[in-house]
Amino acid sequence: MDWFQALVLALIQGLTEFLPISSSAHLILPSEVLGWPDQGLAFDVAVHVGTLVAVMAYYRRDLLAMLGGAGQAVSQRRMNQDLKLALLVGLATVPAVVFGFLGDDWIERELRSALVIAITTLLFGALLWLADAYGKRSRALTTLGVAGALLIGFAQALALIPGTSRSGITITAALALGYRREEAARFSFLLSIPVILGAALLKSKDLLEQQLPVDWGMMALGAGVSAVTAYLTIVFFIRLLERIGMLPFVIYRLILGVALLVWLA
């Protein structure tokens, strides 16, 4: 992988990690379609760290409120909304952890293909449109309970399949439950923090065990570009969400899925 390819892949990661269009699909496609070499484990860690920094920076007030809520709950010995949200994020993370542990190797071996990406891109794009078009979009995140968090968590586990989109499927589930678009995106992005952190730690462990050579300059480029791009993407996505809805992303997914099927034919 050369520096130009690293720059492009970092931009792709930053742009697609939090949009409902699947970052994993877009990172697989350059090697599938263009014949680019695999980005490698070290670079994968770097771009994930970049997007993690971006989402934590954007939602820093929520994260600080959750920490404060935990301290307040201990001192007052009663639940509060900030601690409740933190616990629901943790609960919704469990299904992805379990299914990732059980099936990640099989998914990596069997499902990382352009055909799978084409099918999931079309299927979950259609589900996103249905949820956005017919969801009530009236509920606030303060009404989220255990059942709703688990449902969104099981939806997130589906994002292990390339082309699904972690943000897309969790936003789809939240919209289907009747949450407002901005609230659905907020929970989805908060839910990404433990998932991205866990993935980065596991990949870092694998990297250390394999003792692979690391190009630290390229890693810094990947982390920096993905962080800045992801932060700006979150800012503009949240600001425009209520006005543009999910239809532009649905259309993009449909075009991408059909184009892949035509290319594969």
C-alpha atoms as a PDB file:
ATOM      1  CA  MET A   1       0.000   0.000   0.000  1.00  0.00           C
ATOM      2  CA  ASP A   2       1.447   3.369  -1.013  1.00  0.00           C
ATOM      3  CA  TRP A   3       0.830   6.798   0.508  1.00  0.00           C
ATOM      4  CA  PHE A   4      -1.896   7.743  -1.987  1.00  0.00           C
ATOM      5  CA  GLN A   5      -3.815   4.542  -1.254  1.00  0.00           C
ATOM      6  CA  ALA A   6      -3.405   5.133   2.488  1.00  0.00           C
ATOM      7  CA  LEU A   7      -4.801   8.666   2.146  1.00  0.00           C
ATOM      8  CA  VAL A   8      -7.787   7.466   0.113  1.00  0.00           C
ATOM      9  CA  LEU A   9      -8.565   4.615   2.528  1.00  0.00           C
ATOM     10  CA  ALA A  10      -8.325   6.938   5.546  1.00  0.00           C
ATOM     11  CA  LEU A  11     -10.732   9.362   3.864  1.00  0.00           C
ATOM     12  CA  ILE A  12     -13.105   6.495   3.084  1.00  0.00           C
ATOM     13  CA  GLN A  13     -12.998   5.285   6.685  1.00  0.00           C
ATOM     14  CA  GLY A  14     -13.663   8.757   8.056  1.00  0.00           C
ATOM     15  CA  LEU A  15     -16.492   9.463   5.621  1.00  0.00           C
ATOM     16  CA  THR A  16     -18.274   6.126   5.896  1.00  0.00           C
ATOM     17  CA  GLU A  17     -17.849   4.990   9.520  1.00  0.00           C
ATOM     18  CA  PHE A  18     -20.790   7.062  10.759  1.00  0.00           C
ATOM     19  CA  LEU A  19     -22.868   7.422   7.604  1.00  0.00           C
ATOM     20  CA  PRO A  20     -25.425   4.634   7.006  1.00  0.00           C
ATOM     21  CA  ILE A  21     -23.548   3.270   3.971  1.00  0.00           C
ATOM     22  CA  SER A  22     -21.075   0.745   5.503  1.00  0.00           C
ATOM     23  CA  SER A  23     -17.419   1.573   6.048  1.00  0.00           C
ATOM     24  CA  SER A  24     -16.375  -2.091   5.877  1.00  0.00           C
ATOM     25  CA  ALA A  25     -17.911  -2.414   2.401  1.00  0.00           C
ATOM     26  CA  HIS A  26     -16.111   0.655   1.114  1.00  0.00           C
ATOM     27  CA  LEU A  27     -12.784  -0.493   2.559  1.00  0.00           C
ATOM     28  CA  ILE A  28     -13.143  -3.948   0.980  1.00  0.00           C
ATOM     29  CA  LEU A  29     -14.159  -2.655  -2.446  1.00  0.00           C
ATOM     30  CA  PRO A  30     -10.805  -1.054  -3.452  1.00  0.00           C
ATOM     31  CA  SER A  31      -9.121  -4.462  -3.182  1.00  0.00           C
ATOM     32  CA  GLU A  32     -12.054  -6.296  -4.797  1.00  0.00           C
ATOM     33  CA  VAL A  33     -12.677  -3.859  -7.652  1.00  0.00           C
ATOM     34  CA  LEU A  34      -9.373  -2.002  -8.140  1.00  0.00           C
ATOM     35  CA  GLY A  35      -7.008  -4.749  -7.075  1.00  0.00           C
ATOM     36  CA  TRP A  36      -5.433  -2.645  -4.328  1.00  0.00           C
ATOM     37  CA  PRO A  37      -3.467  -4.559  -1.687  1.00  0.00           C
ATOM     38  CA  ASP A  38      -5.136  -5.207   1.659  1.00  0.00           C
ATOM     39  CA  GLN A  39      -4.653  -2.230   3.965  1.00  0.00           C
ATOM     40  CA  GLY A  40      -3.074  -4.401   6.628  1.00  0.00           C
ATOM     41  CA  LEU A  41      -3.740  -4.851  10.323  1.00  0.00           C
ATOM     42  CA  ALA A  42      -1.678  -1.884  11.542  1.00  0.00           C
ATOM     43  CA  PHE A  43      -3.411   0.587   9.230  1.00  0.00           C
ATOM     44  CA  ASP A  44      -6.793  -0.865  10.195  1.00  0.00           C
ATOM     45  CA  VAL A  45      -5.994  -0.125  13.845  1.00  0.00           C
ATOM     46  CA  ALA A  46      -4.878   3.406  12.986  1.00  0.00           C
ATOM     47  CA  VAL A  47      -8.020   4.427  11.094  1.00  0.00           C
ATOM     48  CA  HIS A  48     -10.253   2.909  13.777  1.00  0.00           C
ATOM     49  CA  VAL A  49      -8.407   4.881  16.449  1.00  0.00           C
ATOM     50  CA  GLY A  50      -8.961   7.989  14.348  1.00  0.00           C
ATOM     51  CA  THR A  51     -12.720   7.485  14.120  1.00  0.00           C
ATOM     52  CA  LEU A  52     -12.859   6.637  17.838  1.00  0.00           C
ATOM     53  CA  VAL A  53     -11.176   9.936  18.697  1.00  0.00           C
ATOM     54  CA  ALA A  54     -13.646  11.762  16.445  1.00  0.00           C
ATOM     55  CA  VAL A  55     -16.830  10.340  17.966  1.00  0.00           C
ATOM     56  CA  MET A  56     -15.535  10.740  21.533  1.00  0.00           C
ATOM     57  CA  ALA A  57     -14.629  14.355  20.809  1.00  0.00           C
ATOM     58  CA  TYR A  58     -18.060  15.106  19.349  1.00  0.00           C
ATOM     59  CA  TYR A  59     -19.970  13.419  22.167  1.00  0.00           C
ATOM     60  CA  ARG A  60     -17.592  14.504  24.941  1.00  0.00           C
ATOM     61  CA  ARG A  61     -20.402  16.215  26.867  1.00  0.00           C
ATOM     62  CA  ASP A  62     -22.486  13.035  26.827  1.00  0.00           C
ATOM     63  CA  LEU A  63     -19.511  10.965  27.978  1.00  0.00           C
ATOM     64  CA  LEU A  64     -18.707  13.405  30.794  1.00  0.00           C
ATOM     65  CA  ALA A  65     -22.383  13.454  31.785  1.00  0.00           C
ATOM     66  CA  MET A  66     -22.400   9.636  31.956  1.00  0.00           C
ATOM     67  CA  LEU A  67     -19.358   9.673  34.229  1.00  0.00           C
ATOM     68  CA  GLY A  68     -20.961  12.367  36.358  1.00  0.00           C
ATOM     69  CA  GLY A  69     -24.200  10.418  36.437  1.00  0.00           C
ATOM     70  CA  ALA A  70     -22.369   7.352  37.757  1.00  0.00           C
ATOM     71  CA  GLY A  71     -20.796   9.400  40.527  1.00  0.00           C
ATOM     72  CA  GLN A  72     -24.104  11.044  41.363  1.00  0.00           C
ATOM     73  CA  ALA A  73     -25.862   7.677  41.489  1.00  0.00           C
ATOM     74  CA  VAL A  74     -23.287   6.370  43.964  1.00  0.00           C
ATOM     75  CA  SER A  75     -23.562   9.429  46.209  1.00  0.00           C
ATOM     76  CA  GLN A  76     -27.359   9.686  46.049  1.00  0.00           C
ATOM     77  CA  ARG A  77     -27.988   5.940  45.777  1.00  0.00           C
ATOM     78  CA  ARG A  78     -30.535   6.295  43.014  1.00  0.00           C
ATOM     79  CA  MET A  79     -30.663   5.998  39.236  1.00  0.00           C
ATOM     80  CA  ASN A  80     -30.467   9.040  36.963  1.00  0.00           C
ATOM     81  CA  GLN A  81     -30.893   9.541  33.202  1.00  0.00           C
ATOM     82  CA  ASP A  82     -27.175   9.868  32.451  1.00  0.00           C
ATOM     83  CA  LEU A  83     -26.251   6.623  34.205  1.00  0.00           C
ATOM     84  CA  LYS A  84     -29.264   4.911  32.642  1.00  0.00           C
ATOM     85  CA  LEU A  85     -28.053   5.904  29.168  1.00  0.00           C
ATOM     86  CA  ALA A  86     -24.553   4.599  29.923  1.00  0.00           C
ATOM     87  CA  LEU A  87     -25.951   1.274  31.136  1.00  0.00           C
ATOM     88  CA  LEU A  88     -28.176   0.934  28.067  1.00  0.00           C
ATOM     89  CA  VAL A  89     -25.196   1.593  25.786  1.00  0.00           C
ATOM     90  CA  GLY A  90     -23.304  -1.137  27.622  1.00  0.00           C
ATOM     91  CA  LEU A  91     -26.246  -3.539  27.407  1.00  0.00           C
ATOM     92  CA  ALA A  92     -26.748  -2.902  23.686  1.00  0.00           C
ATOM     93  CA  THR A  93     -23.056  -3.648  23.079  1.00  0.00           C
ATOM     94  CA  VAL A  94     -23.304  -7.214  24.421  1.00  0.00           C
ATOM     95  CA  PRO A  95     -24.907  -8.904  21.358  1.00  0.00           C
ATOM     96  CA  ALA A  96     -22.197  -7.612  18.995  1.00  0.00           C
ATOM     97  CA  VAL A  97     -19.491  -8.804  21.390  1.00  0.00           C
ATOM     98  CA  VAL A  98     -21.015 -12.275  21.689  1.00  0.00           C
ATOM     99  CA  PHE A  99     -21.698 -12.770  17.980  1.00  0.00           C
ATOM    100  CA  GLY A 100     -18.364 -11.231  17.061  1.00  0.00           C
ATOM    101  CA  PHE A 101     -16.552 -13.670  19.338  1.00  0.00           C
ATOM    102  CA  LEU A 102     -18.488 -16.649  17.970  1.00  0.00           C
ATOM    103  CA  GLY A 103     -18.593 -15.832  14.273  1.00  0.00           C
ATOM    104  CA  ASP A 104     -15.954 -13.262  13.359  1.00  0.00           C
ATOM    105  CA  ASP A 105     -13.488 -15.758  11.856  1.00  0.00           C
ATOM    106  CA  TRP A 106     -16.196 -17.401   9.729  1.00  0.00           C
ATOM    107  CA  ILE A 107     -17.531 -14.029   8.557  1.00  0.00           C
ATOM    108  CA  GLU A 108     -14.005 -12.857   7.703  1.00  0.00           C
ATOM    109  CA  ARG A 109     -13.402 -16.032   5.705  1.00  0.00           C
ATOM    110  CA  GLU A 110     -16.746 -16.499   3.968  1.00  0.00           C
ATOM    111  CA  LEU A 111     -18.521 -13.150   3.666  1.00  0.00           C
ATOM    112  CA  ARG A 112     -15.883 -10.599   2.633  1.00  0.00           C
ATOM    113  CA  SER A 113     -16.898 -10.494  -1.021  1.00  0.00           C
ATOM    114  CA  ALA A 114     -18.378  -8.015  -3.487  1.00  0.00           C
ATOM    115  CA  LEU A 115     -21.493 -10.206  -3.946  1.00  0.00           C
ATOM    116  CA  VAL A 116     -22.293 -10.219  -0.229  1.00  0.00           C
ATOM    117  CA  ILE A 117     -21.725  -6.459  -0.082  1.00  0.00           C
ATOM    118  CA  ALA A 118     -24.052  -5.905  -3.056  1.00  0.00           C
ATOM    119  CA  ILE A 119     -26.852  -7.953  -1.461  1.00  0.00           C
ATOM    120  CA  THR A 120     -26.556  -6.440   2.024  1.00  0.00           C
ATOM    121  CA  THR A 121     -26.212  -2.933   0.606  1.00  0.00           C
ATOM    122  CA  LEU A 122     -29.531  -3.317  -1.213  1.00  0.00           C
ATOM    123  CA  LEU A 123     -31.376  -5.215   1.512  1.00  0.00           C
ATOM    124  CA  PHE A 124     -30.459  -3.002   4.454  1.00  0.00           C
ATOM    125  CA  GLY A 125     -30.805   0.124   2.339  1.00  0.00           C
ATOM    126  CA  ALA A 126     -34.433  -0.836   1.711  1.00  0.00           C
ATOM    127  CA  LEU A 127     -34.992  -1.478   5.424  1.00  0.00           C
ATOM    128  CA  LEU A 128     -33.508   1.926   6.256  1.00  0.00           C
ATOM    129  CA  TRP A 129     -35.955   3.602   3.872  1.00  0.00           C
ATOM    130  CA  LEU A 130     -38.921   1.730   5.351  1.00  0.00           C
ATOM    131  CA  ALA A 131     -37.955   2.630   8.917  1.00  0.00           C
ATOM    132  CA  ASP A 132     -37.421   6.279   8.024  1.00  0.00           C
ATOM    133  CA  ALA A 133     -40.558   6.578   5.931  1.00  0.00           C
ATOM    134  CA  TYR A 134     -42.945   4.769   8.273  1.00  0.00           C
ATOM    135  CA  GLY A 135     -41.383   5.211  11.717  1.00  0.00           C
ATOM    136  CA  LYS A 136     -43.242   7.612  14.006  1.00  0.00           C
ATOM    137  CA  ARG A 137     -40.096   9.690  14.723  1.00  0.00           C
ATOM    138  CA  SER A 138     -41.627  11.082  17.918  1.00  0.00           C
ATOM    139  CA  ARG A 139     -39.789   9.410  20.825  1.00  0.00           C
ATOM    140  CA  ALA A 140     -36.909  10.889  22.804  1.00  0.00           C
ATOM    141  CA  LEU A 141     -33.928   8.840  23.943  1.00  0.00           C
ATOM    142  CA  THR A 142     -35.012   9.260  27.569  1.00  0.00           C
ATOM    143  CA  THR A 143     -37.828   6.762  26.872  1.00  0.00           C
ATOM    144  CA  LEU A 144     -35.438   4.000  25.772  1.00  0.00           C
ATOM    145  CA  GLY A 145     -35.627   0.892  27.947  1.00  0.00           C
ATOM    146  CA  VAL A 146     -33.955  -2.485  28.231  1.00  0.00           C
ATOM    147  CA  ALA A 147     -36.007  -4.161  25.482  1.00  0.00           C
ATOM    148  CA  GLY A 148     -35.375  -1.352  22.995  1.00  0.00           C
ATOM    149  CA  ALA A 149     -31.656  -1.237  23.772  1.00  0.00           C
ATOM    150  CA  LEU A 150     -31.362  -4.995  23.274  1.00  0.00           C
ATOM    151  CA  LEU A 151     -33.229  -4.830  19.974  1.00  0.00           C
ATOM    152  CA  ILE A 152     -30.850  -2.136  18.721  1.00  0.00           C
ATOM    153  CA  GLY A 153     -27.957  -4.192  20.080  1.00  0.00           C
ATOM    154  CA  PHE A 154     -29.008  -7.316  18.163  1.00  0.00           C
ATOM    155  CA  ALA A 155     -29.404  -5.148  15.061  1.00  0.00           C
ATOM    156  CA  GLN A 156     -25.842  -3.924  15.580  1.00  0.00           C
ATOM    157  CA  ALA A 157     -24.627  -7.533  15.624  1.00  0.00           C
ATOM    158  CA  LEU A 158     -25.843  -7.848  12.012  1.00  0.00           C
ATOM    159  CA  ALA A 159     -23.268  -5.224  11.057  1.00  0.00           C
ATOM    160  CA  LEU A 160     -20.599  -7.903  11.372  1.00  0.00           C
ATOM    161  CA  ILE A 161     -21.739  -8.853   7.863  1.00  0.00           C
ATOM    162  CA  PRO A 162     -19.919  -6.605   5.348  1.00  0.00           C
ATOM    163  CA  GLY A 163     -22.158  -4.088   3.611  1.00  0.00           C
ATOM    164  CA  THR A 164     -24.727  -3.894   6.410  1.00  0.00           C
ATOM    165  CA  SER A 165     -23.429  -0.652   8.012  1.00  0.00           C
ATOM    166  CA  ARG A 166     -23.230  -0.515  11.789  1.00  0.00           C
ATOM    167  CA  SER A 167     -24.624   3.011  11.946  1.00  0.00           C
ATOM    168  CA  GLY A 168     -27.211   2.226   9.290  1.00  0.00           C
ATOM    169  CA  ILE A 169     -28.682  -0.839  10.964  1.00  0.00           C
ATOM    170  CA  THR A 170     -28.739   0.677  14.460  1.00  0.00           C
ATOM    171  CA  ILE A 171     -30.373   3.869  13.166  1.00  0.00           C
ATOM    172  CA  THR A 172     -32.848   1.686  11.245  1.00  0.00           C
ATOM    173  CA  ALA A 173     -33.758  -0.190  14.434  1.00  0.00           C
ATOM    174  CA  ALA A 174     -34.137   3.024  16.447  1.00  0.00           C
ATOM    175  CA  LEU A 175     -36.303   4.636  13.756  1.00  0.00           C
ATOM    176  CA  ALA A 176     -38.458   1.505  13.603  1.00  0.00           C
ATOM    177  CA  LEU A 177     -38.980   1.861  17.361  1.00  0.00           C
ATOM    178  CA  GLY A 178     -40.276   5.387  16.793  1.00  0.00           C
ATOM    179  CA  TYR A 179     -37.298   7.522  17.820  1.00  0.00           C
ATOM    180  CA  ARG A 180     -36.531  10.854  16.216  1.00  0.00           C
ATOM    181  CA  ARG A 181     -33.783  10.852  13.620  1.00  0.00           C
ATOM    182  CA  GLU A 182     -31.327  12.860  15.710  1.00  0.00           C
ATOM    183  CA  GLU A 183     -32.000  10.703  18.764  1.00  0.00           C
ATOM    184  CA  ALA A 184     -31.534   7.532  16.721  1.00  0.00           C
ATOM    185  CA  ALA A 185     -28.216   8.814  15.392  1.00  0.00           C
ATOM    186  CA  ARG A 186     -27.097   9.901  18.861  1.00  0.00           C
ATOM    187  CA  PHE A 187     -27.630   6.458  20.372  1.00  0.00           C
ATOM    188  CA  SER A 188     -26.070   4.794  17.339  1.00  0.00           C
ATOM    189  CA  PHE A 189     -22.927   6.925  17.594  1.00  0.00           C
ATOM    190  CA  LEU A 190     -22.624   6.509  21.363  1.00  0.00           C
ATOM    191  CA  LEU A 191     -23.011   2.775  20.795  1.00  0.00           C
ATOM    192  CA  SER A 192     -20.126   2.872  18.338  1.00  0.00           C
ATOM    193  CA  ILE A 193     -17.642   3.936  21.037  1.00  0.00           C
ATOM    194  CA  PRO A 194     -17.309   0.627  22.928  1.00  0.00           C
ATOM    195  CA  VAL A 195     -17.498  -1.337  19.658  1.00  0.00           C
ATOM    196  CA  ILE A 196     -14.739   0.637  17.920  1.00  0.00           C
ATOM    197  CA  LEU A 197     -12.654   0.664  21.112  1.00  0.00           C
ATOM    198  CA  GLY A 198     -12.995  -3.111  21.505  1.00  0.00           C
ATOM    199  CA  ALA A 199     -12.155  -3.744  17.848  1.00  0.00           C
ATOM    200  CA  ALA A 200      -9.090  -1.496  18.040  1.00  0.00           C
ATOM    201  CA  LEU A 201      -7.844  -3.224  21.192  1.00  0.00           C
ATOM    202  CA  LEU A 202      -8.294  -6.702  19.710  1.00  0.00           C
ATOM    203  CA  LYS A 203      -6.571  -5.726  16.481  1.00  0.00           C
ATOM    204  CA  SER A 204      -3.761  -4.111  18.475  1.00  0.00           C
ATOM    205  CA  LYS A 205      -3.327  -7.350  20.408  1.00  0.00           C
ATOM    206  CA  ASP A 206      -3.135  -9.321  17.146  1.00  0.00           C
ATOM    207  CA  LEU A 207      -0.653  -6.809  15.772  1.00  0.00           C
ATOM    208  CA  LEU A 208       1.626  -7.173  18.801  1.00  0.00           C
ATOM    209  CA  GLU A 209       1.430 -10.967  18.684  1.00  0.00           C
ATOM    210  CA  GLN A 210       2.293 -11.073  14.981  1.00  0.00           C
ATOM    211  CA  GLN A 211       5.197  -8.665  15.484  1.00  0.00           C
ATOM    212  CA  LEU A 212       4.639  -7.130  12.069  1.00  0.00           C
ATOM    213  CA  PRO A 213       6.727  -4.136  10.946  1.00  0.00           C
ATOM    214  CA  VAL A 214       4.842  -0.853  11.303  1.00  0.00           C
ATOM    215  CA  ASP A 215       5.206   2.242   9.137  1.00  0.00           C
ATOM    216  CA  TRP A 216       4.453   4.807  11.842  1.00  0.00           C
ATOM    217  CA  GLY A 217       4.297   7.704   9.399  1.00  0.00           C
ATOM    218  CA  MET A 218       1.581   5.994   7.401  1.00  0.00           C
ATOM    219  CA  MET A 219      -0.225   5.060  10.607  1.00  0.00           C
ATOM    220  CA  ALA A 220      -0.178   8.687  11.745  1.00  0.00           C
ATOM    221  CA  LEU A 221      -1.542   9.766   8.364  1.00  0.00           C
ATOM    222  CA  GLY A 222      -4.347   7.203   8.583  1.00  0.00           C
ATOM    223  CA  ALA A 223      -5.311   8.108  12.141  1.00  0.00           C
ATOM    224  CA  GLY A 224      -5.179  11.859  11.572  1.00  0.00           C
ATOM    225  CA  VAL A 225      -7.064  11.934   8.278  1.00  0.00           C
ATOM    226  CA  SER A 226      -9.750   9.502   9.467  1.00  0.00           C
ATOM    227  CA  ALA A 227     -10.212  11.463  12.728  1.00  0.00           C
ATOM    228  CA  VAL A 228     -10.674  14.854  11.057  1.00  0.00           C
ATOM    229  CA  THR A 229     -12.850  13.443   8.275  1.00  0.00           C
ATOM    230  CA  ALA A 230     -15.027  11.460  10.696  1.00  0.00           C
ATOM    231  CA  TYR A 231     -15.540  14.450  13.012  1.00  0.00           C
ATOM    232  CA  LEU A 232     -16.609  16.722  10.146  1.00  0.00           C
ATOM    233  CA  THR A 233     -18.863  13.973   8.809  1.00  0.00           C
ATOM    234  CA  ILE A 234     -20.635  13.630  12.169  1.00  0.00           C
ATOM    235  CA  VAL A 235     -21.076  17.416  12.440  1.00  0.00           C
ATOM    236  CA  PHE A 236     -22.660  17.798   9.010  1.00  0.00           C
ATOM    237  CA  PHE A 237     -24.679  14.577   9.240  1.00  0.00           C
ATOM    238  CA  ILE A 238     -26.318  15.604  12.526  1.00  0.00           C
ATOM    239  CA  ARG A 239     -26.966  19.156  11.320  1.00  0.00           C
ATOM    240  CA  LEU A 240     -28.601  18.015   8.083  1.00  0.00           C
ATOM    241  CA  LEU A 241     -30.340  14.890   9.341  1.00  0.00           C
ATOM    242  CA  GLU A 242     -33.748  16.337  10.156  1.00  0.00           C
ATOM    243  CA  ARG A 243     -33.879  18.184   6.834  1.00  0.00           C
ATOM    244  CA  ILE A 244     -32.585  15.561   4.411  1.00  0.00           C
ATOM    245  CA  GLY A 245     -33.651  12.363   6.174  1.00  0.00           C
ATOM    246  CA  MET A 246     -32.293   8.986   5.059  1.00  0.00           C
ATOM    247  CA  LEU A 247     -33.439   9.008   1.429  1.00  0.00           C
ATOM    248  CA  PRO A 248     -30.120  10.278  -0.063  1.00  0.00           C
ATOM    249  CA  PHE A 249     -28.239   7.462   1.675  1.00  0.00           C
ATOM    250  CA  VAL A 250     -30.846   4.917   0.594  1.00  0.00           C
ATOM    251  CA  ILE A 251     -30.506   6.060  -3.019  1.00  0.00           C
ATOM    252  CA  TYR A 252     -26.721   5.873  -2.774  1.00  0.00           C
ATOM    253  CA  ARG A 253     -26.934   2.330  -1.388  1.00  0.00           C
ATOM    254  CA  LEU A 254     -29.288   1.251  -4.164  1.00  0.00           C
ATOM    255  CA  ILE A 255     -27.011   2.691  -6.861  1.00  0.00           C
ATOM    256  CA  LEU A 256     -23.938   1.078  -5.280  1.00  0.00           C
ATOM    257  CA  GLY A 257     -25.654  -2.304  -4.881  1.00  0.00           C
ATOM    258  CA  VAL A 258     -26.948  -2.385  -8.457  1.00  0.00           C
ATOM    259  CA  ALA A 259     -23.571  -1.208  -9.812  1.00  0.00           C
ATOM    260  CA  LEU A 260     -21.827  -4.030  -7.967  1.00  0.00           C
ATOM    261  CA  LEU A 261     -24.277  -6.612  -9.305  1.00  0.00           C
ATOM    262  CA  VAL A 262     -23.734  -5.316 -12.852  1.00  0.00           C
ATOM    263  CA  TRP A 263     -19.955  -5.419 -12.348  1.00  0.00           C
ATOM    264  CA  LEU A 264     -20.178  -8.998 -11.052  1.00  0.00           C
ATOM    265  CA  ALA A 265     -22.419 -10.172 -13.921  1.00  0.00           C
END
